[in-house]
Amino acid sequence: MKQISDERVLFQTYYKEVFRACYYMLQNKYDAEDLCQDVFAKALSEDFQAIQNQKSWLLSIAMNMSRNYLKKKNRLLLKENFDFLSFIRVDNTQNIERTIQLNENKSELVDLMNKLPVRIRKVMILKYVHDCKDREIAEVLKIPEGTVKSRLFKGKKLMKKFIQVDGNYLFEWRDHRE
């Protein structure tokens, strides 16, 4: 009975954090919910009581599973596009663009974050969505802390560039922690 109680506490304590990480990576509520459940299924199949920093551990699982999901999704999109291209003429680019168009109902910040390379986006999400410290991010992603700082710097620089290029955004990127 204690095992069930511990599993429930783990889930209730970290569900929102894990869901948010999955959502920001996948940009889709339903995919994020499914992946979040997979993260907890994987976590609960392991000896989670022995883990000291469960939040970092779960976020690490979520980031890795999100990355794998995105890789798989990209491979499927490439395959679909290849199959699609085999049925149409190459000069008909309007149809190709429609088939790979992203969801139009994203918020401005999510749009900007989505423009970032995945390796930079993961660091930015952990820092600014989950308020993780650089050391925690390094632990979650299994990269050096210096790499975390470098990716944060590049991410902020890219975000500022995106905002300057597209003046339609209603906010400015400010790092209130500097």
C-alpha atoms as a PDB file:
ATOM      1  CA  MET A   1       0.000   0.000   0.000  1.00  0.00           C
ATOM      2  CA  LYS A   2       2.927   2.349   0.732  1.00  0.00           C
ATOM      3  CA  GLN A   3       4.217   1.793  -2.841  1.00  0.00           C
ATOM      4  CA  ILE A   4       0.922   3.034  -4.322  1.00  0.00           C
ATOM      5  CA  SER A   5       0.968   6.029  -1.989  1.00  0.00           C
ATOM      6  CA  ASP A   6       4.555   6.920  -2.995  1.00  0.00           C
ATOM      7  CA  GLU A   7       3.682   6.629  -6.692  1.00  0.00           C
ATOM      8  CA  ARG A   8       0.673   8.893  -6.250  1.00  0.00           C
ATOM      9  CA  VAL A   9       2.747  11.490  -4.357  1.00  0.00           C
ATOM     10  CA  LEU A  10       5.428  11.468  -7.066  1.00  0.00           C
ATOM     11  CA  PHE A  11       2.804  11.936  -9.769  1.00  0.00           C
ATOM     12  CA  GLN A  12       0.867  14.662  -7.956  1.00  0.00           C
ATOM     13  CA  THR A  13       4.023  16.539  -6.984  1.00  0.00           C
ATOM     14  CA  TYR A  14       5.652  16.670 -10.407  1.00  0.00           C
ATOM     15  CA  TYR A  15       2.898  16.192 -12.977  1.00  0.00           C
ATOM     16  CA  LYS A  16       2.544  19.892 -13.830  1.00  0.00           C
ATOM     17  CA  GLU A  17       6.318  20.346 -14.192  1.00  0.00           C
ATOM     18  CA  VAL A  18       6.696  17.304 -16.436  1.00  0.00           C
ATOM     19  CA  PHE A  19       3.631  18.207 -18.505  1.00  0.00           C
ATOM     20  CA  ARG A  20       4.890  21.757 -19.000  1.00  0.00           C
ATOM     21  CA  ALA A  21       8.299  20.497 -20.164  1.00  0.00           C
ATOM     22  CA  CYS A  22       6.654  18.125 -22.633  1.00  0.00           C
ATOM     23  CA  TYR A  23       4.233  20.790 -23.839  1.00  0.00           C
ATOM     24  CA  TYR A  24       6.910  23.369 -24.517  1.00  0.00           C
ATOM     25  CA  MET A  25       8.984  20.816 -26.394  1.00  0.00           C
ATOM     26  CA  LEU A  26       6.156  19.263 -28.424  1.00  0.00           C
ATOM     27  CA  GLN A  27       3.917  22.310 -28.852  1.00  0.00           C
ATOM     28  CA  ASN A  28       0.818  20.127 -28.676  1.00  0.00           C
ATOM     29  CA  LYS A  29      -1.343  19.580 -25.603  1.00  0.00           C
ATOM     30  CA  TYR A  30      -2.495  16.077 -26.489  1.00  0.00           C
ATOM     31  CA  ASP A  31       0.946  14.812 -27.462  1.00  0.00           C
ATOM     32  CA  ALA A  32       2.326  16.366 -24.271  1.00  0.00           C
ATOM     33  CA  GLU A  33      -0.308  14.603 -22.144  1.00  0.00           C
ATOM     34  CA  ASP A  34       0.489  11.263 -23.757  1.00  0.00           C
ATOM     35  CA  LEU A  35       4.222  11.730 -23.408  1.00  0.00           C
ATOM     36  CA  CYS A  36       3.833  12.903 -19.799  1.00  0.00           C
ATOM     37  CA  GLN A  37       2.052   9.658 -18.971  1.00  0.00           C
ATOM     38  CA  ASP A  38       4.860   7.740 -20.686  1.00  0.00           C
ATOM     39  CA  VAL A  39       7.422   9.638 -18.601  1.00  0.00           C
ATOM     40  CA  PHE A  40       5.698   8.616 -15.371  1.00  0.00           C
ATOM     41  CA  ALA A  41       5.237   5.046 -16.587  1.00  0.00           C
ATOM     42  CA  LYS A  42       8.978   4.852 -17.208  1.00  0.00           C
ATOM     43  CA  ALA A  43       9.798   6.562 -13.907  1.00  0.00           C
ATOM     44  CA  LEU A  44       7.507   4.324 -11.892  1.00  0.00           C
ATOM     45  CA  SER A  45       9.026   1.223 -13.461  1.00  0.00           C
ATOM     46  CA  GLU A  46      12.369   2.207 -11.931  1.00  0.00           C
ATOM     47  CA  ASP A  47      13.442   2.609  -8.309  1.00  0.00           C
ATOM     48  CA  PHE A  48      12.347   6.249  -8.004  1.00  0.00           C
ATOM     49  CA  GLN A  49      12.545   6.304  -4.190  1.00  0.00           C
ATOM     50  CA  ALA A  50      16.343   5.984  -4.415  1.00  0.00           C
ATOM     51  CA  ILE A  51      16.617   9.134  -6.567  1.00  0.00           C
ATOM     52  CA  GLN A  52      17.655  12.184  -4.554  1.00  0.00           C
ATOM     53  CA  ASN A  53      16.557  14.962  -6.908  1.00  0.00           C
ATOM     54  CA  GLN A  54      13.354  13.556  -8.364  1.00  0.00           C
ATOM     55  CA  LYS A  55      12.368  16.752 -10.175  1.00  0.00           C
ATOM     56  CA  SER A  56      15.628  16.884 -12.129  1.00  0.00           C
ATOM     57  CA  TRP A  57      15.441  13.166 -12.809  1.00  0.00           C
ATOM     58  CA  LEU A  58      11.866  13.380 -14.130  1.00  0.00           C
ATOM     59  CA  LEU A  59      12.641  16.455 -16.229  1.00  0.00           C
ATOM     60  CA  SER A  60      15.636  14.624 -17.664  1.00  0.00           C
ATOM     61  CA  ILE A  61      13.400  11.719 -18.664  1.00  0.00           C
ATOM     62  CA  ALA A  62      10.841  14.169 -20.103  1.00  0.00           C
ATOM     63  CA  MET A  63      13.460  16.023 -22.149  1.00  0.00           C
ATOM     64  CA  ASN A  64      14.980  12.827 -23.500  1.00  0.00           C
ATOM     65  CA  MET A  65      11.617  11.332 -24.377  1.00  0.00           C
ATOM     66  CA  SER A  66      10.519  14.632 -25.977  1.00  0.00           C
ATOM     67  CA  ARG A  67      13.688  14.736 -28.057  1.00  0.00           C
ATOM     68  CA  ASN A  68      13.140  11.136 -29.173  1.00  0.00           C
ATOM     69  CA  TYR A  69       9.496  11.887 -29.970  1.00  0.00           C
ATOM     70  CA  LEU A  70      10.474  14.921 -32.070  1.00  0.00           C
ATOM     71  CA  LYS A  71      13.122  12.919 -33.931  1.00  0.00           C
ATOM     72  CA  LYS A  72      10.587  10.207 -34.702  1.00  0.00           C
ATOM     73  CA  LYS A  73       7.980  12.778 -35.734  1.00  0.00           C
ATOM     74  CA  ASN A  74      10.492  14.521 -38.019  1.00  0.00           C
ATOM     75  CA  ARG A  75      11.399  11.207 -39.637  1.00  0.00           C
ATOM     76  CA  LEU A  76       7.702  10.505 -40.235  1.00  0.00           C
ATOM     77  CA  LEU A  77       7.177  13.999 -41.675  1.00  0.00           C
ATOM     78  CA  LEU A  78      10.135  13.538 -43.999  1.00  0.00           C
ATOM     79  CA  LYS A  79       8.764  10.185 -45.094  1.00  0.00           C
ATOM     80  CA  GLU A  80       5.281  11.650 -45.652  1.00  0.00           C
ATOM     81  CA  ASN A  81       6.745  14.564 -47.586  1.00  0.00           C
ATOM     82  CA  PHE A  82       8.820  12.190 -49.676  1.00  0.00           C
ATOM     83  CA  ASP A  83       5.753  10.053 -50.381  1.00  0.00           C
ATOM     84  CA  PHE A  84       3.773  13.198 -51.159  1.00  0.00           C
ATOM     85  CA  LEU A  85       6.487  14.495 -53.487  1.00  0.00           C
ATOM     86  CA  SER A  86       6.456  11.235 -55.402  1.00  0.00           C
ATOM     87  CA  PHE A  87       2.817  11.886 -56.353  1.00  0.00           C
ATOM     88  CA  ILE A  88       3.101  15.522 -57.411  1.00  0.00           C
ATOM     89  CA  ARG A  89       5.337  17.578 -59.606  1.00  0.00           C
ATOM     90  CA  VAL A  90       8.297  19.219 -57.905  1.00  0.00           C
ATOM     91  CA  ASP A  91       7.285  22.718 -59.044  1.00  0.00           C
ATOM     92  CA  ASN A  92       4.031  22.611 -57.078  1.00  0.00           C
ATOM     93  CA  THR A  93       5.502  24.052 -53.837  1.00  0.00           C
ATOM     94  CA  GLN A  94       2.253  25.493 -52.493  1.00  0.00           C
ATOM     95  CA  ASN A  95       0.896  22.007 -51.778  1.00  0.00           C
ATOM     96  CA  ILE A  96       4.136  20.981 -50.077  1.00  0.00           C
ATOM     97  CA  GLU A  97       4.053  24.022 -47.825  1.00  0.00           C
ATOM     98  CA  ARG A  98       0.484  23.279 -46.788  1.00  0.00           C
ATOM     99  CA  THR A  99       1.342  19.714 -45.799  1.00  0.00           C
ATOM    100  CA  ILE A 100       4.118  20.736 -43.411  1.00  0.00           C
ATOM    101  CA  GLN A 101       2.546  23.898 -42.017  1.00  0.00           C
ATOM    102  CA  LEU A 102       2.709  24.203 -38.214  1.00  0.00           C
ATOM    103  CA  ASN A 103      -0.261  24.810 -35.937  1.00  0.00           C
ATOM    104  CA  GLU A 104      -1.335  28.451 -36.419  1.00  0.00           C
ATOM    105  CA  ASN A 105      -2.831  28.911 -32.956  1.00  0.00           C
ATOM    106  CA  LYS A 106       0.442  29.065 -31.001  1.00  0.00           C
ATOM    107  CA  SER A 107       1.185  31.902 -28.643  1.00  0.00           C
ATOM    108  CA  GLU A 108       3.906  34.369 -29.592  1.00  0.00           C
ATOM    109  CA  LEU A 109       6.394  33.046 -27.054  1.00  0.00           C
ATOM    110  CA  VAL A 110       5.826  29.470 -28.092  1.00  0.00           C
ATOM    111  CA  ASP A 111       6.371  30.527 -31.716  1.00  0.00           C
ATOM    112  CA  LEU A 112       9.657  32.129 -30.805  1.00  0.00           C
ATOM    113  CA  MET A 113      10.785  29.186 -28.701  1.00  0.00           C
ATOM    114  CA  ASN A 114       9.889  26.857 -31.542  1.00  0.00           C
ATOM    115  CA  LYS A 115      12.294  28.710 -33.837  1.00  0.00           C
ATOM    116  CA  LEU A 116      15.200  27.829 -31.573  1.00  0.00           C
ATOM    117  CA  PRO A 117      17.293  24.726 -32.250  1.00  0.00           C
ATOM    118  CA  VAL A 118      16.126  21.845 -30.025  1.00  0.00           C
ATOM    119  CA  ARG A 119      19.352  21.724 -27.998  1.00  0.00           C
ATOM    120  CA  ILE A 120      19.001  25.434 -27.171  1.00  0.00           C
ATOM    121  CA  ARG A 121      15.225  25.224 -26.668  1.00  0.00           C
ATOM    122  CA  LYS A 122      15.639  22.498 -24.013  1.00  0.00           C
ATOM    123  CA  VAL A 123      17.978  24.718 -21.984  1.00  0.00           C
ATOM    124  CA  MET A 124      15.699  27.757 -22.347  1.00  0.00           C
ATOM    125  CA  ILE A 125      12.625  25.782 -21.268  1.00  0.00           C
ATOM    126  CA  LEU A 126      14.344  24.391 -18.198  1.00  0.00           C
ATOM    127  CA  LYS A 127      15.682  27.845 -17.257  1.00  0.00           C
ATOM    128  CA  TYR A 128      12.706  30.103 -17.928  1.00  0.00           C
ATOM    129  CA  VAL A 129       9.702  27.790 -17.700  1.00  0.00           C
ATOM    130  CA  HIS A 130      10.899  25.534 -14.876  1.00  0.00           C
ATOM    131  CA  ASP A 131      13.192  28.026 -13.104  1.00  0.00           C
ATOM    132  CA  CYS A 132      16.019  25.509 -12.926  1.00  0.00           C
ATOM    133  CA  LYS A 133      19.473  26.678 -11.954  1.00  0.00           C
ATOM    134  CA  ASP A 134      22.315  26.225 -14.447  1.00  0.00           C
ATOM    135  CA  ARG A 135      23.702  23.359 -12.354  1.00  0.00           C
ATOM    136  CA  GLU A 136      20.334  21.566 -12.409  1.00  0.00           C
ATOM    137  CA  ILE A 137      20.008  22.041 -16.165  1.00  0.00           C
ATOM    138  CA  ALA A 138      23.476  20.568 -16.640  1.00  0.00           C
ATOM    139  CA  GLU A 139      22.433  17.585 -14.513  1.00  0.00           C
ATOM    140  CA  VAL A 140      19.125  17.090 -16.340  1.00  0.00           C
ATOM    141  CA  LEU A 141      20.653  17.279 -19.826  1.00  0.00           C
ATOM    142  CA  LYS A 142      23.934  15.611 -18.858  1.00  0.00           C
ATOM    143  CA  ILE A 143      26.045  18.425 -20.303  1.00  0.00           C
ATOM    144  CA  PRO A 144      28.696  20.670 -18.709  1.00  0.00           C
ATOM    145  CA  GLU A 145      27.482  23.775 -16.879  1.00  0.00           C
ATOM    146  CA  GLY A 146      29.550  25.925 -19.249  1.00  0.00           C
ATOM    147  CA  THR A 147      27.597  24.481 -22.171  1.00  0.00           C
ATOM    148  CA  VAL A 148      24.359  25.398 -20.389  1.00  0.00           C
ATOM    149  CA  LYS A 149      25.543  29.000 -20.024  1.00  0.00           C
ATOM    150  CA  SER A 150      26.650  29.117 -23.645  1.00  0.00           C
ATOM    151  CA  ARG A 151      23.314  27.784 -24.884  1.00  0.00           C
ATOM    152  CA  LEU A 152      21.404  30.226 -22.682  1.00  0.00           C
ATOM    153  CA  PHE A 153      23.449  33.078 -24.111  1.00  0.00           C
ATOM    154  CA  LYS A 154      22.834  31.883 -27.678  1.00  0.00           C
ATOM    155  CA  GLY A 155      19.146  31.338 -26.953  1.00  0.00           C
ATOM    156  CA  LYS A 156      18.660  34.846 -25.569  1.00  0.00           C
ATOM    157  CA  LYS A 157      20.588  36.296 -28.498  1.00  0.00           C
ATOM    158  CA  LEU A 158      18.423  34.398 -30.998  1.00  0.00           C
ATOM    159  CA  MET A 159      15.210  35.396 -29.203  1.00  0.00           C
ATOM    160  CA  LYS A 160      16.224  39.067 -29.351  1.00  0.00           C
ATOM    161  CA  LYS A 161      17.050  38.673 -33.035  1.00  0.00           C
ATOM    162  CA  PHE A 162      13.672  37.041 -33.727  1.00  0.00           C
ATOM    163  CA  ILE A 163      11.886  39.888 -31.953  1.00  0.00           C
ATOM    164  CA  GLN A 164      13.824  42.522 -33.922  1.00  0.00           C
ATOM    165  CA  VAL A 165      13.120  40.778 -37.229  1.00  0.00           C
ATOM    166  CA  ASP A 166       9.412  40.398 -36.573  1.00  0.00           C
ATOM    167  CA  GLY A 167       8.137  43.637 -35.039  1.00  0.00           C
ATOM    168  CA  ASN A 168       4.656  42.169 -34.601  1.00  0.00           C
ATOM    169  CA  TYR A 169       5.504  40.637 -31.246  1.00  0.00           C
ATOM    170  CA  LEU A 170       3.925  42.507 -28.382  1.00  0.00           C
ATOM    171  CA  PHE A 171       6.613  41.890 -25.790  1.00  0.00           C
ATOM    172  CA  GLU A 172      10.322  42.282 -25.404  1.00  0.00           C
ATOM    173  CA  TRP A 173      12.591  39.521 -24.175  1.00  0.00           C
ATOM    174  CA  ARG A 174      13.995  40.589 -20.828  1.00  0.00           C
ATOM    175  CA  ASP A 175      16.059  38.455 -18.544  1.00  0.00           C
ATOM    176  CA  HIS A 176      15.030  39.649 -15.095  1.00  0.00           C
ATOM    177  CA  ARG A 177      17.684  37.473 -13.429  1.00  0.00           C
ATOM    178  CA  GLU A 178      20.732  39.182 -14.891  1.00  0.00           C
END
